Structure formats: structure tokens, C-alpha cells
Amino acid sequence: MTKPNVNDPRALLRHLYDVAVQRALPLHNTAAHLPALPKGRTLVLGAGKAGGAMAQAVEALWPAGAPLSGLVVTRYGHTPPRPAGLAQRIEVVEAAHPVPDAAGLEAAQRILALTQGLTADDLVLCLISGGGSSLLTLPCEGLTLQDKQRINRQLLESGAHIGEMNAVRKHLSRIKGGRLAAACAPARVVTLTISDVPGDDVSVIASGPTVADATTCAEALDILRRYGIDVPPAVQAQLENGALETPKPGDPRLARSETHLIATPQQSLDAAAEAARALGLRAYVLSDEIEGESREVGKVHGALARSTALGRSSFEAPCVILSGGETTVTVRPRAECQPKGRGGRAGEFCMGLAQALGGQADVWALAADTDGIDGVEDNAGALVAPDTLARAAAQGLKLADHLARNDAVGFFEPLGDLVVTGPTHTNVNDFRALLVTRP
């Protein structure tokens, strides 16, 4: 990877993002976690935005003569090009994210069907990454795909954090919350997972299809009520009487199931910090677990960057301040005459950041999703520069108006400040880098 000119802030920030993404690519992280060949057959099952790349990594690393088959589902457009000479032994299909569709439903049905007839001599290799919650959709009894789509949309727009959303998803599913591993018994189940959640809780990543679930039906009900989300009466009754309870820690069906984290947000942040230091910059990693409203998190980062630029912080410039995690966006009501806003967590963060910085000199920033897609748009995130607000004003763009309708794309696209990468074939969640050039 070519080193950027340290005097080009935009190129430098993009370099750090690329380093973070590269650190999380499946082919770099899979070999050390592959289990030994079983006596029986090896079945590969999986779901997530990194699913296609994870499947290719296994195909490249698994012994050529050893039996290998299976099915993995990933997001539309996220299957990487197949390397020349690499034989396909694992089927990869595509489905919708973040709201599930019929293709994801069919994939989940097929994956569950493949678990039939497994024996204690067989190995199930599960490849799980962020995005699997919507890609692996198999509604519980009494719930239709249309119901799941509505509930997903409402959760996404409610401001609920990932743990709350997944607690609901697990209890409304026939495959999540440890149910996939239970269906695989008595086979050995080895899950390789790429974390996209704060704290790397494997029971939360993709709603933990192979991991015991400590959350309860009562908690799922409470979350639905808190955010005003309705479910059909039959499903409500099943939640109330515990009929939709998930496999819990200690469940004997999960006794032969194990999980290995092969890539994490912290590893990517550390790689970016090391790259910054190699360029002669100080680097500070705040945390890989930052949560909260995206715009408010942006404002806090802005205050920290301003104080550093003014020499009032314990951070010493020139430096890079890095953070990760999973923020949320609460979609604001809009008037009928207002255009619909476009954007995701990273863009919303950048709008809050730009507002807090107020044109502060010597501060640049990049925020982007490591999967290459911010929400449902084509950009990964956005850039903020000292002249962002001045350039916006010259084009008649009002930041407050765009914030009011969650319209990051409408604000940053005319400025030429969207970060566009295309799918990266991995996913370790939000990446944020603030460059302060001097005190």
C-alpha cells in the first residue's frame, strides 16, 4: 500500500481508512482459526456482508482434496470477484440489507434445511459477519416476511441500539439466537466471526445464530413497547408465554459449538494508529465501543478536536484521533414539502462534527463504514475540512436544514466530500479519524 503525502490531509485520512479495512479482510485472518478435518463431511453455512469473502478464504485455505460444500448469504453486490484458479465449492447467494427480502428468506430456509441428517462425525463451519441479522431471515410462526420488514424498518428508525434490535430479532426468528447451532446438533459447530458490534459480543453479531442467548422474551417485549412497535396478536401471545424463547447458556444442543473472533474493530483501529505513527504522527485511539446518536457523538468529537487544535487538550498535535463503535440515527419527522433525507450513521456523524467544529482551522476528519456502504446509499461516509461550512454556504447549503431531515448525502455530495469505496467485503463497523495538524 502506497504511503500518502502527509501534507495532503484527505489522502492521509483515506489511507488510514484503507489500512483499517485491509486489516479486517477475511483472507488475512482465517487460516489460524480453521479446525482440523473431521471424520465426516464439512458443511459451510454463513451470513453477513463479509460472507462472500469469508467463503472464498475458506475455499482457498481448505485442503483441495477434502470434501467441502455449503451455502452462504451476503448483501447484494457484496460478493467479491473470484480469483483466477479458485474453484467454487461453497455456494454464495445475495439478499437485501438492512431490510430483509424474499431472497434472504429463501436462503435461510435452505441453510436450515442443510442441517438435516448431520452426525457427530460432521463439522459445520459457520461464517458470520455483520449484516447477518437481515440477510438470514426466517420469521417465527405467526409472523410474515412483510411483518419482519416493517418491524426492521421501525427498529432502524427508532434510535434503538444494536443490542436492543437483535434481542427482538432473535425472538422473532426460527434461526437466530443459537437456533442454527441447535439445529446442527450433534455435529461439531465452529463459528468464525468478524465483529461489527461494540464489545465484540458474539451473541449480538448477526443476532448470534450459533451462540446461546441470554436475553429473554420479556426483554424483547419491553423493547417493542418502549419504541411503540406492534407485532401480530399471535406473536404477542407467544412472547408473553415464553413460547418463542431462545436456547440459553448451558443448552446441551450447543455443547459442541465454539466461536472464534477472526477480526475486530479494535484490531483495525490499532492498525490505523500504527500507520499514522509510521507517518510521523501521534495517534490516539479513543475506543472501539462508542455508541449514541451519531450527530451527538460527532459534536463530542468536534469539541475534543477543537480543544486539541487550540492546545487545550491532553492530546498533542500534530496527531490523529481514532474511534469506532456503532452509533444510531433517529429519523426525524419531516414536513410533506421536504425532500426525503439520504444518509447513514457516518454521514450524520460528519454533519454533527462539522457543526461543532464551526470551521475550526487545522482539523480534518473522515468517518465511514468499513463495509463501504453507509446505510443504504452508495457512499461509505464523508469528509470534513476546515472550509466545509464556507464551501457549503457558497452553494446555499444550510447544515441545520440537512441535519433536520437526516440528509448527509444531500449536504456532502455537492461539496465533493462523500467517501466512495464500493463494497469492501468485510465489516468491522464505524471508522472515524480526526487529523489535527498543529496546536
Protein backbone atom coordinates (compact mmCIF):
# COMPACT_ATOMS: atom_id res chain seq x y z
CA MET A 1 0.00 0.00 0.00
CA THR A 2 1.47 3.36 -1.08
CA LYS A 3 2.08 5.87 1.70
CA PRO A 4 0.27 9.20 1.21
CA ASN A 5 1.76 12.68 1.26
CA VAL A 6 1.50 13.79 4.91
CA ASN A 7 0.75 17.29 3.63
CA ASP A 8 -2.44 16.06 1.94
CA PRO A 9 -4.97 15.57 4.78
CA ARG A 10 -7.63 13.98 2.61
CA ALA A 11 -5.26 11.39 1.17
CA LEU A 12 -3.82 10.69 4.61
CA LEU A 13 -7.23 10.07 6.17
CA ARG A 14 -8.28 7.82 3.29
CA HIS A 15 -5.01 5.88 3.72
CA LEU A 16 -5.82 5.24 7.38
CA TYR A 17 -9.30 4.02 6.45
CA ASP A 18 -7.85 1.68 3.82
CA VAL A 19 -5.36 0.28 6.34
CA ALA A 20 -8.18 -0.38 8.82
CA VAL A 21 -10.24 -2.19 6.18
CA GLN A 22 -7.31 -4.25 4.94
CA ARG A 23 -6.59 -5.45 8.49
CA ALA A 24 -10.11 -6.92 8.64
CA LEU A 25 -10.15 -8.77 5.30
CA PRO A 26 -11.07 -12.45 5.78
CA LEU A 27 -8.16 -13.93 3.81
CA HIS A 28 -5.70 -12.28 6.23
CA ASN A 29 -7.41 -13.63 9.33
CA THR A 30 -8.92 -17.05 8.67
CA ALA A 31 -6.06 -19.59 8.50
CA ALA A 32 -5.17 -19.52 12.20
CA HIS A 33 -8.73 -20.39 13.22
CA LEU A 34 -9.60 -23.23 10.86
CA PRO A 35 -10.31 -26.53 12.66
CA ALA A 36 -8.83 -29.91 11.74
CA LEU A 37 -10.53 -32.05 9.13
CA PRO A 38 -13.43 -34.08 10.58
CA LYS A 39 -14.05 -37.81 10.17
CA GLY A 40 -17.26 -36.99 8.37
CA ARG A 41 -18.17 -34.19 5.99
CA THR A 42 -17.62 -30.46 6.27
CA LEU A 43 -20.62 -28.18 5.74
CA VAL A 44 -20.14 -24.42 5.47
CA LEU A 45 -23.05 -22.14 6.41
CA GLY A 46 -22.97 -18.39 6.85
CA ALA A 47 -24.44 -14.94 6.56
CA GLY A 48 -23.17 -11.36 6.56
CA LYS A 49 -21.69 -8.58 4.47
CA ALA A 50 -18.30 -10.35 4.56
CA GLY A 51 -19.89 -13.72 3.74
CA GLY A 52 -18.66 -13.96 0.14
CA ALA A 53 -15.08 -13.06 1.05
CA MET A 54 -15.13 -15.40 4.05
CA ALA A 55 -16.33 -18.26 1.85
CA GLN A 56 -13.55 -17.60 -0.66
CA ALA A 57 -10.98 -17.54 2.14
CA VAL A 58 -12.11 -20.96 3.35
CA GLU A 59 -12.05 -22.33 -0.21
CA ALA A 60 -8.51 -21.05 -0.68
CA LEU A 61 -7.26 -22.45 2.63
CA TRP A 62 -9.14 -25.77 2.89
CA PRO A 63 -7.24 -28.82 1.58
CA ALA A 64 -8.00 -29.28 -2.11
CA GLY A 65 -8.90 -32.95 -1.84
CA ALA A 66 -11.07 -32.65 1.27
CA PRO A 67 -14.87 -32.56 0.85
CA LEU A 68 -16.33 -29.08 1.28
CA SER A 69 -19.79 -27.75 0.47
CA GLY A 70 -22.32 -25.29 1.80
CA LEU A 71 -24.29 -22.08 1.40
CA VAL A 72 -23.55 -18.51 2.46
CA VAL A 73 -25.73 -15.42 2.00
CA THR A 74 -24.35 -11.90 1.62
CA ARG A 75 -25.66 -8.47 0.68
CA TYR A 76 -26.48 -7.60 -2.93
CA GLY A 77 -23.30 -6.51 -4.69
CA HIS A 78 -21.01 -7.73 -1.90
CA THR A 79 -19.74 -10.94 -3.50
CA PRO A 80 -16.08 -10.31 -4.40
CA PRO A 81 -14.67 -11.23 -7.81
CA ARG A 82 -13.46 -14.82 -7.80
CA PRO A 83 -9.67 -15.16 -8.01
CA ALA A 84 -8.42 -16.97 -11.09
CA GLY A 85 -8.00 -20.67 -10.48
CA LEU A 86 -10.02 -20.76 -7.24
CA ALA A 87 -12.65 -23.49 -7.58
CA GLN A 88 -16.05 -22.68 -6.09
CA ARG A 89 -17.11 -25.26 -3.51
CA ILE A 90 -19.39 -23.05 -1.39
CA GLU A 91 -22.50 -21.51 -2.95
CA VAL A 92 -22.89 -17.77 -2.33
CA VAL A 93 -26.28 -16.08 -2.77
CA GLU A 94 -27.26 -12.45 -2.28
CA ALA A 95 -30.13 -10.80 -0.43
CA ALA A 96 -31.25 -7.42 0.94
CA HIS A 97 -29.83 -5.38 3.80
CA PRO A 98 -30.79 -3.67 6.11
CA VAL A 99 -34.43 -4.63 5.47
CA PRO A 100 -34.86 -8.35 4.64
CA ASP A 101 -36.39 -9.63 1.43
CA ALA A 102 -37.67 -12.87 -0.12
CA ALA A 103 -34.16 -13.86 -1.25
CA GLY A 104 -32.93 -13.75 2.35
CA LEU A 105 -35.94 -15.78 3.47
CA GLU A 106 -35.25 -18.45 0.85
CA ALA A 107 -31.54 -18.55 1.78
CA ALA A 108 -32.37 -19.01 5.48
CA GLN A 109 -34.82 -21.80 4.67
CA ARG A 110 -32.17 -23.57 2.58
CA ILE A 111 -29.49 -23.13 5.25
CA LEU A 112 -31.73 -24.60 7.94
CA ALA A 113 -32.64 -27.50 5.64
CA LEU A 114 -28.94 -28.30 5.09
CA THR A 115 -28.56 -29.08 8.80
CA GLN A 116 -30.81 -32.15 8.49
CA GLY A 117 -29.05 -35.50 8.86
CA LEU A 118 -25.81 -34.23 10.40
CA THR A 119 -23.91 -36.68 12.60
CA ALA A 120 -21.40 -36.42 15.43
CA ASP A 121 -18.60 -37.06 12.90
CA ASP A 122 -19.52 -33.99 10.83
CA LEU A 123 -18.19 -30.43 11.06
CA VAL A 124 -20.28 -27.33 10.44
CA LEU A 125 -18.16 -24.28 9.74
CA CYS A 126 -20.29 -21.15 10.25
CA LEU A 127 -19.08 -17.87 8.74
CA ILE A 128 -20.80 -14.96 10.47
CA SER A 129 -20.35 -11.22 10.00
CA GLY A 130 -22.30 -8.02 10.45
CA GLY A 131 -25.47 -7.70 8.41
CA GLY A 132 -26.42 -11.31 9.01
CA SER A 133 -29.48 -10.31 11.02
CA SER A 134 -31.37 -9.11 7.96
CA LEU A 135 -29.73 -11.46 5.47
CA LEU A 136 -30.65 -14.56 7.49
CA THR A 137 -34.36 -14.00 7.98
CA LEU A 138 -36.73 -16.81 8.93
CA PRO A 139 -39.79 -15.43 10.77
CA CYS A 140 -41.29 -17.27 13.72
CA GLU A 141 -44.73 -18.85 13.48
CA GLY A 142 -47.42 -16.20 13.08
CA LEU A 143 -45.07 -13.63 11.53
CA THR A 144 -44.88 -12.92 7.80
CA LEU A 145 -41.94 -11.55 5.84
CA GLN A 146 -43.90 -8.31 5.47
CA ASP A 147 -44.24 -8.13 9.26
CA LYS A 148 -40.47 -8.64 9.66
CA GLN A 149 -39.75 -5.92 7.08
CA ARG A 150 -41.99 -3.44 8.89
CA ILE A 151 -40.52 -4.25 12.31
CA ASN A 152 -36.98 -3.96 10.94
CA ARG A 153 -37.68 -0.56 9.41
CA GLN A 154 -39.26 0.70 12.63
CA LEU A 155 -36.33 -0.53 14.71
CA LEU A 156 -33.82 1.08 12.34
CA GLU A 157 -35.60 4.44 12.54
CA SER A 158 -36.32 4.31 16.28
CA GLY A 159 -32.82 5.02 17.59
CA ALA A 160 -32.65 1.59 19.26
CA HIS A 161 -29.08 0.36 19.71
CA ILE A 162 -27.83 -2.85 18.10
CA GLY A 163 -28.26 -4.96 21.23
CA GLU A 164 -31.92 -3.96 21.54
CA MET A 165 -32.62 -4.58 17.87
CA ASN A 166 -31.02 -8.01 17.96
CA ALA A 167 -32.82 -9.05 21.15
CA VAL A 168 -36.06 -8.54 19.24
CA ARG A 169 -34.78 -10.19 16.06
CA LYS A 170 -33.65 -13.31 17.94
CA HIS A 171 -37.05 -13.91 19.48
CA LEU A 172 -38.93 -13.36 16.24
CA SER A 173 -36.78 -15.85 14.31
CA ARG A 174 -36.51 -19.61 13.77
CA ILE A 175 -32.77 -19.47 13.04
CA LYS A 176 -31.18 -16.70 15.17
CA GLY A 177 -30.25 -16.62 18.86
CA GLY A 178 -28.49 -20.01 18.89
CA ARG A 179 -31.20 -21.83 16.95
CA LEU A 180 -28.93 -22.59 13.96
CA ALA A 181 -26.35 -24.29 16.20
CA ALA A 182 -29.10 -26.23 17.95
CA ALA A 183 -30.34 -27.48 14.57
CA CYS A 184 -26.81 -28.68 13.72
CA ALA A 185 -26.51 -30.96 16.78
CA PRO A 186 -24.92 -33.48 17.23
CA ALA A 187 -22.33 -32.17 14.72
CA ARG A 188 -19.40 -30.06 15.87
CA VAL A 189 -20.05 -26.38 15.11
CA VAL A 190 -17.13 -23.96 14.69
CA THR A 191 -18.13 -20.35 14.09
CA LEU A 192 -15.67 -17.87 12.61
CA THR A 193 -16.95 -14.35 13.06
CA ILE A 194 -15.97 -10.82 12.17
CA SER A 195 -17.17 -8.39 14.82
CA ASP A 196 -19.17 -5.30 13.96
CA VAL A 197 -20.55 -4.64 17.44
CA PRO A 198 -19.29 -2.67 20.44
CA GLY A 199 -17.58 -5.00 22.90
CA ASP A 200 -17.34 -7.85 20.35
CA ASP A 201 -20.28 -9.71 21.94
CA VAL A 202 -20.58 -12.78 19.71
CA SER A 203 -24.19 -13.27 20.77
CA VAL A 204 -25.04 -9.92 19.17
CA ILE A 205 -23.12 -10.24 15.87
CA ALA A 206 -25.76 -11.09 13.23
CA SER A 207 -28.10 -11.89 16.16
CA GLY A 208 -25.91 -14.83 17.20
CA PRO A 209 -27.35 -17.71 15.15
CA THR A 210 -24.86 -20.16 16.69
CA VAL A 211 -24.47 -18.60 20.15
CA ALA A 212 -26.59 -19.13 23.28
CA ASP A 213 -28.83 -16.16 24.00
CA ALA A 214 -29.09 -14.62 27.47
CA THR A 215 -31.87 -12.20 26.50
CA THR A 216 -35.49 -13.17 27.11
CA CYS A 217 -38.93 -12.92 25.57
CA ALA A 218 -39.83 -10.44 28.32
CA GLU A 219 -36.93 -8.19 27.31
CA ALA A 220 -37.92 -8.36 23.65
CA LEU A 221 -41.47 -7.37 24.60
CA ASP A 222 -40.21 -4.46 26.67
CA ILE A 223 -38.10 -3.16 23.76
CA LEU A 224 -41.03 -3.39 21.35
CA ARG A 225 -43.27 -1.50 23.78
CA ARG A 226 -40.61 1.13 24.53
CA TYR A 227 -40.30 2.05 20.85
CA GLY A 228 -44.01 1.67 20.06
CA ILE A 229 -43.62 -1.24 17.65
CA ASP A 230 -46.59 -3.59 17.25
CA VAL A 231 -46.48 -7.32 16.48
CA PRO A 232 -49.41 -9.58 15.47
CA PRO A 233 -51.54 -10.75 18.42
CA ALA A 234 -50.46 -14.39 17.99
CA VAL A 235 -46.80 -13.39 18.21
CA GLN A 236 -47.51 -11.11 21.16
CA ALA A 237 -49.07 -14.09 22.96
CA GLN A 238 -46.06 -16.31 22.23
CA LEU A 239 -43.69 -13.67 23.60
CA GLU A 240 -45.82 -13.30 26.71
CA ASN A 241 -45.98 -17.05 27.43
CA GLY A 242 -42.33 -17.70 26.54
CA ALA A 243 -43.04 -19.96 23.57
CA LEU A 244 -40.51 -18.03 21.47
CA GLU A 245 -37.67 -18.38 24.00
CA THR A 246 -34.19 -18.90 22.54
CA PRO A 247 -31.56 -21.54 23.53
CA LYS A 248 -29.87 -20.37 26.73
CA PRO A 249 -26.30 -20.82 28.04
CA GLY A 250 -25.87 -24.44 29.10
CA ASP A 251 -28.28 -25.81 26.50
CA PRO A 252 -26.96 -29.32 25.69
CA ARG A 253 -27.63 -28.85 21.97
CA LEU A 254 -24.89 -26.20 21.94
CA ALA A 255 -22.34 -28.27 23.89
CA ARG A 256 -20.20 -28.87 20.77
CA SER A 257 -20.42 -25.30 19.48
CA GLU A 258 -17.47 -22.87 19.69
CA THR A 259 -16.87 -19.37 18.35
CA HIS A 260 -13.69 -17.58 17.26
CA LEU A 261 -13.34 -13.87 16.54
CA ILE A 262 -11.11 -13.52 13.49
CA ALA A 263 -11.28 -9.74 13.06
CA THR A 264 -12.40 -6.94 15.40
CA PRO A 265 -12.85 -3.15 15.31
CA GLN A 266 -10.03 -2.68 17.84
CA GLN A 267 -7.56 -4.52 15.62
CA SER A 268 -8.42 -2.23 12.70
CA LEU A 269 -8.14 0.91 14.82
CA ASP A 270 -4.76 -0.27 16.13
CA ALA A 271 -3.58 -0.90 12.55
CA ALA A 272 -4.62 2.62 11.55
CA ALA A 273 -2.85 4.07 14.60
CA GLU A 274 0.32 2.20 13.68
CA ALA A 275 0.09 3.53 10.12
CA ALA A 276 -0.30 7.09 11.41
CA ARG A 277 2.76 6.72 13.64
CA ALA A 278 4.73 5.39 10.69
CA LEU A 279 3.99 8.74 9.01
CA GLY A 280 5.39 10.64 11.99
CA LEU A 281 2.07 11.49 13.65
CA ARG A 282 0.95 10.84 17.20
CA ALA A 283 -2.08 8.58 17.28
CA TYR A 284 -4.73 8.23 19.97
CA VAL A 285 -7.42 5.53 19.97
CA LEU A 286 -10.43 6.70 21.98
CA SER A 287 -12.45 3.47 21.92
CA ASP A 288 -13.91 0.86 19.60
CA GLU A 289 -17.17 0.83 21.60
CA ILE A 290 -18.59 4.33 21.14
CA GLU A 291 -22.37 4.38 20.86
CA GLY A 292 -25.10 7.06 20.92
CA GLU A 293 -26.83 9.38 18.50
CA SER A 294 -24.49 9.89 15.54
CA ARG A 295 -24.80 13.67 15.44
CA GLU A 296 -24.21 13.97 19.18
CA VAL A 297 -21.16 11.70 19.02
CA GLY A 298 -19.94 13.95 16.20
CA LYS A 299 -20.34 17.02 18.39
CA VAL A 300 -18.32 15.42 21.21
CA HIS A 301 -15.55 14.50 18.78
CA GLY A 302 -15.66 18.04 17.44
CA ALA A 303 -15.20 19.53 20.90
CA LEU A 304 -12.21 17.25 21.51
CA ALA A 305 -10.61 18.15 18.17
CA ARG A 306 -11.14 21.89 18.76
CA SER A 307 -9.51 21.75 22.17
CA THR A 308 -6.58 19.82 20.70
CA ALA A 309 -6.18 22.32 17.86
CA LEU A 310 -6.18 25.16 20.41
CA GLY A 311 -3.58 23.43 22.61
CA ARG A 312 -6.04 22.87 25.47
CA SER A 313 -6.18 19.08 25.37
CA SER A 314 -4.04 16.30 26.81
CA PHE A 315 -3.67 15.17 23.18
CA GLU A 316 -0.68 16.77 21.50
CA ALA A 317 -0.87 17.87 17.87
CA PRO A 318 0.01 17.05 15.19
CA CYS A 319 -2.00 13.91 15.80
CA VAL A 320 -4.72 11.57 14.65
CA ILE A 321 -7.66 10.75 16.94
CA LEU A 322 -9.33 7.44 16.10
CA SER A 323 -12.57 5.82 17.24
CA GLY A 324 -15.03 3.11 16.31
CA GLY A 325 -18.28 1.58 17.50
CA GLU A 326 -21.86 1.69 16.29
CA THR A 327 -23.83 4.89 16.61
CA THR A 328 -27.51 5.28 15.80
CA VAL A 329 -29.66 7.67 13.79
CA THR A 330 -33.15 8.58 14.93
CA VAL A 331 -35.03 9.59 11.79
CA ARG A 332 -36.79 12.92 12.38
CA PRO A 333 -40.33 13.59 11.19
CA ARG A 334 -40.40 15.85 8.14
CA ALA A 335 -42.93 18.10 6.51
CA GLU A 336 -44.66 16.88 3.34
CA CYS A 337 -42.90 19.59 1.34
CA GLN A 338 -39.44 18.49 2.50
CA PRO A 339 -37.40 16.12 0.34
CA LYS A 340 -36.56 12.81 1.97
CA GLY A 341 -33.14 12.78 3.56
CA ARG A 342 -30.45 10.32 2.46
CA GLY A 343 -27.55 9.09 4.52
CA GLY A 344 -26.36 6.82 7.29
CA ARG A 345 -24.53 6.87 10.60
CA ALA A 346 -21.18 8.09 9.25
CA GLY A 347 -22.68 10.98 7.29
CA GLU A 348 -24.83 12.02 10.25
CA PHE A 349 -21.73 11.95 12.47
CA CYS A 350 -19.90 14.21 10.00
CA MET A 351 -22.74 16.74 9.99
CA GLY A 352 -22.70 16.90 13.80
CA LEU A 353 -18.91 17.17 13.73
CA ALA A 354 -18.89 19.97 11.17
CA GLN A 355 -21.46 21.87 13.21
CA ALA A 356 -19.38 21.56 16.38
CA LEU A 357 -16.10 22.49 14.67
CA GLY A 358 -17.61 25.62 13.16
CA GLY A 359 -14.83 25.91 10.58
CA GLN A 360 -12.01 25.30 13.06
CA ALA A 361 -8.65 25.62 11.34
CA ASP A 362 -6.22 22.69 11.25
CA VAL A 363 -8.85 19.96 11.73
CA TRP A 364 -9.84 17.41 9.08
CA ALA A 365 -11.91 14.28 9.57
CA LEU A 366 -13.16 11.17 7.83
CA ALA A 367 -15.97 8.91 9.05
CA ALA A 368 -17.00 5.85 7.09
CA ASP A 369 -18.49 2.40 7.50
CA THR A 370 -15.86 -0.29 6.99
CA ASP A 371 -18.21 -2.31 4.77
CA GLY A 372 -18.12 0.52 2.22
CA ILE A 373 -21.82 1.37 2.49
CA ASP A 374 -23.23 3.99 4.87
CA GLY A 375 -26.81 2.90 5.47
CA VAL A 376 -28.49 2.18 2.14
CA GLU A 377 -26.59 4.69 -0.02
CA ASP A 378 -23.61 4.11 -2.33
CA ASN A 379 -21.09 6.04 -0.24
CA ALA A 380 -19.09 4.73 2.71
CA GLY A 381 -19.14 8.03 4.59
CA ALA A 382 -17.89 11.60 4.28
CA LEU A 383 -15.02 14.01 4.86
CA VAL A 384 -14.99 17.24 6.88
CA ALA A 385 -12.44 20.01 6.27
CA PRO A 386 -11.80 23.43 7.82
CA ASP A 387 -13.58 25.06 4.87
CA THR A 388 -16.58 22.68 4.76
CA LEU A 389 -19.07 25.22 6.14
CA ALA A 390 -17.71 28.05 3.98
CA ARG A 391 -17.99 25.96 0.80
CA ALA A 392 -21.48 24.85 1.81
CA ALA A 393 -22.59 28.44 2.37
CA ALA A 394 -21.24 29.42 -1.05
CA GLN A 395 -23.55 26.79 -2.58
CA GLY A 396 -26.54 27.78 -0.48
CA LEU A 397 -26.43 24.61 1.63
CA LYS A 398 -27.68 25.03 5.20
CA LEU A 399 -26.27 22.42 7.57
CA ALA A 400 -29.11 22.82 10.07
CA ASP A 401 -31.69 22.05 7.38
CA HIS A 402 -29.87 18.89 6.32
CA LEU A 403 -29.49 17.76 9.91
CA ALA A 404 -33.22 18.30 10.47
CA ARG A 405 -34.08 15.77 7.75
CA ASN A 406 -31.10 13.40 8.21
CA ASP A 407 -29.76 14.34 4.77
CA ALA A 408 -26.00 13.82 4.87
CA VAL A 409 -25.76 12.83 1.21
CA GLY A 410 -27.62 15.98 0.15
CA PHE A 411 -25.11 18.06 2.13
CA PHE A 412 -21.78 16.42 1.33
CA GLU A 413 -22.37 15.26 -2.25
CA PRO A 414 -22.48 18.78 -3.79
CA LEU A 415 -19.24 19.55 -1.93
CA GLY A 416 -17.49 16.54 -3.43
CA ASP A 417 -16.87 15.25 0.10
CA LEU A 418 -18.54 11.86 0.04
CA VAL A 419 -16.20 8.91 0.58
CA VAL A 420 -16.99 6.31 -2.09
CA THR A 421 -15.22 2.95 -1.92
CA GLY A 422 -17.71 0.35 -3.08
CA PRO A 423 -18.21 -2.84 -1.03
CA THR A 424 -15.04 -3.72 0.88
CA HIS A 425 -16.03 -7.37 1.58
CA THR A 426 -15.54 -7.03 5.31
CA ASN A 427 -17.31 -5.24 8.16
CA VAL A 428 -15.88 -4.08 11.48
CA ASN A 429 -18.32 -1.21 11.82
CA ASP A 430 -17.77 2.54 12.05
CA PHE A 431 -14.32 4.05 11.46
CA ARG A 432 -13.59 7.64 12.43
CA ALA A 433 -10.32 9.54 12.09
CA LEU A 434 -9.73 13.17 13.06
CA LEU A 435 -6.50 14.81 11.94
CA VAL A 436 -5.27 17.84 13.93
CA THR A 437 -2.27 19.29 12.13
CA ARG A 438 -0.91 21.70 14.75
CA PRO A 439 -1.83 23.28 18.11
